[in-house]
Amino acid sequence: MRLRVSKEDDAVYFRLDESAVVESEEVQPGVILDYDKDGRVVGVEFLGIKARVPEAQLSSLQFETG
């Protein structure tokens, strides 16, 4: 898994695995799902993050496991 924050693109992209993306779908305004050949979600992109998250928080991430 990997996470990419792009201040330039105003986006956050969360990638679950490295499968080829064959289709993308905007399921809500600014929320895009990427699918592999079997229809499984392999990535999620959030656009317009500057309006959703204070910019100071974009440089630090918190991970929770359970």
C-alpha atoms as a PDB file:
ATOM      1  CA  MET A   1       0.000   0.000   0.000  1.00  0.00           C
ATOM      2  CA  ARG A   2       1.102   3.542  -0.570  1.00  0.00           C
ATOM      3  CA  LEU A   3      -0.243   7.015  -0.058  1.00  0.00           C
ATOM      4  CA  ARG A   4       0.619  10.064  -2.163  1.00  0.00           C
ATOM      5  CA  VAL A   5      -0.240  13.617  -1.161  1.00  0.00           C
ATOM      6  CA  SER A   6       0.117  16.142  -3.971  1.00  0.00           C
ATOM      7  CA  LYS A   7      -0.201  19.752  -2.872  1.00  0.00           C
ATOM      8  CA  GLU A   8       0.322  20.798  -6.506  1.00  0.00           C
ATOM      9  CA  ASP A   9      -2.610  18.671  -7.735  1.00  0.00           C
ATOM     10  CA  ASP A  10      -4.623  19.308  -4.553  1.00  0.00           C
ATOM     11  CA  ALA A  11      -5.169  15.570  -4.203  1.00  0.00           C
ATOM     12  CA  VAL A  12      -4.545  12.519  -2.023  1.00  0.00           C
ATOM     13  CA  TYR A  13      -4.186   9.094  -3.655  1.00  0.00           C
ATOM     14  CA  PHE A  14      -4.318   5.824  -1.703  1.00  0.00           C
ATOM     15  CA  ARG A  15      -3.152   2.775  -3.662  1.00  0.00           C
ATOM     16  CA  LEU A  16      -3.945  -0.706  -2.301  1.00  0.00           C
ATOM     17  CA  ASP A  17      -1.762  -2.717  -4.698  1.00  0.00           C
ATOM     18  CA  GLU A  18       0.071  -2.449  -7.997  1.00  0.00           C
ATOM     19  CA  SER A  19      -2.563  -4.110 -10.215  1.00  0.00           C
ATOM     20  CA  ALA A  20      -3.172  -2.359 -13.527  1.00  0.00           C
ATOM     21  CA  VAL A  21      -6.002   0.160 -13.411  1.00  0.00           C
ATOM     22  CA  VAL A  22      -8.505  -0.587 -16.169  1.00  0.00           C
ATOM     23  CA  GLU A  23     -11.345   1.708 -15.128  1.00  0.00           C
ATOM     24  CA  SER A  24     -11.888   4.770 -12.959  1.00  0.00           C
ATOM     25  CA  GLU A  25     -15.177   6.103 -11.647  1.00  0.00           C
ATOM     26  CA  GLU A  26     -16.028   9.307  -9.813  1.00  0.00           C
ATOM     27  CA  VAL A  27     -18.459   7.982  -7.203  1.00  0.00           C
ATOM     28  CA  GLN A  28     -18.980  11.320  -5.439  1.00  0.00           C
ATOM     29  CA  PRO A  29     -17.758  14.787  -6.408  1.00  0.00           C
ATOM     30  CA  GLY A  30     -13.993  14.678  -5.884  1.00  0.00           C
ATOM     31  CA  VAL A  31     -13.835  10.965  -4.968  1.00  0.00           C
ATOM     32  CA  ILE A  32     -12.473   8.652  -7.664  1.00  0.00           C
ATOM     33  CA  LEU A  33     -12.189   4.869  -7.427  1.00  0.00           C
ATOM     34  CA  ASP A  34      -9.728   2.921  -9.597  1.00  0.00           C
ATOM     35  CA  TYR A  35     -10.601  -0.673 -10.511  1.00  0.00           C
ATOM     36  CA  ASP A  36      -8.527  -3.622 -11.734  1.00  0.00           C
ATOM     37  CA  LYS A  37      -9.574  -6.095 -14.470  1.00  0.00           C
ATOM     38  CA  ASP A  38     -11.658  -8.079 -11.958  1.00  0.00           C
ATOM     39  CA  GLY A  39     -13.623  -5.041 -10.808  1.00  0.00           C
ATOM     40  CA  ARG A  40     -11.822  -4.754  -7.469  1.00  0.00           C
ATOM     41  CA  VAL A  41     -10.959  -1.321  -6.082  1.00  0.00           C
ATOM     42  CA  VAL A  42      -7.176  -0.841  -6.184  1.00  0.00           C
ATOM     43  CA  GLY A  43      -6.988   2.905  -5.580  1.00  0.00           C
ATOM     44  CA  VAL A  44      -8.922   5.844  -4.175  1.00  0.00           C
ATOM     45  CA  GLU A  45      -8.258   9.491  -5.024  1.00  0.00           C
ATOM     46  CA  PHE A  46      -9.617  12.490  -3.163  1.00  0.00           C
ATOM     47  CA  LEU A  47      -9.571  15.824  -4.989  1.00  0.00           C
ATOM     48  CA  GLY A  48      -9.852  19.274  -3.485  1.00  0.00           C
ATOM     49  CA  ILE A  49      -8.139  18.328  -0.247  1.00  0.00           C
ATOM     50  CA  LYS A  50      -7.166  21.907   0.598  1.00  0.00           C
ATOM     51  CA  ALA A  51     -10.863  22.620   1.164  1.00  0.00           C
ATOM     52  CA  ARG A  52     -11.234  19.475   3.302  1.00  0.00           C
ATOM     53  CA  VAL A  53      -8.054  19.412   5.414  1.00  0.00           C
ATOM     54  CA  PRO A  54      -5.976  22.265   6.859  1.00  0.00           C
ATOM     55  CA  GLU A  55      -2.738  22.521   4.867  1.00  0.00           C
ATOM     56  CA  ALA A  56      -0.585  22.094   7.996  1.00  0.00           C
ATOM     57  CA  GLN A  57      -2.066  18.614   8.466  1.00  0.00           C
ATOM     58  CA  LEU A  58      -1.077  17.490   4.950  1.00  0.00           C
ATOM     59  CA  SER A  59       2.560  17.059   5.977  1.00  0.00           C
ATOM     60  CA  SER A  60       1.816  14.642   8.826  1.00  0.00           C
ATOM     61  CA  LEU A  61      -0.150  11.406   8.756  1.00  0.00           C
ATOM     62  CA  GLN A  62      -1.507   9.238  11.543  1.00  0.00           C
ATOM     63  CA  PHE A  63      -1.922   5.499  11.065  1.00  0.00           C
ATOM     64  CA  GLU A  64      -4.155   3.336  13.201  1.00  0.00           C
ATOM     65  CA  THR A  65      -4.095  -0.434  13.303  1.00  0.00           C
ATOM     66  CA  GLY A  66      -6.341  -2.691  15.227  1.00  0.00           C
END
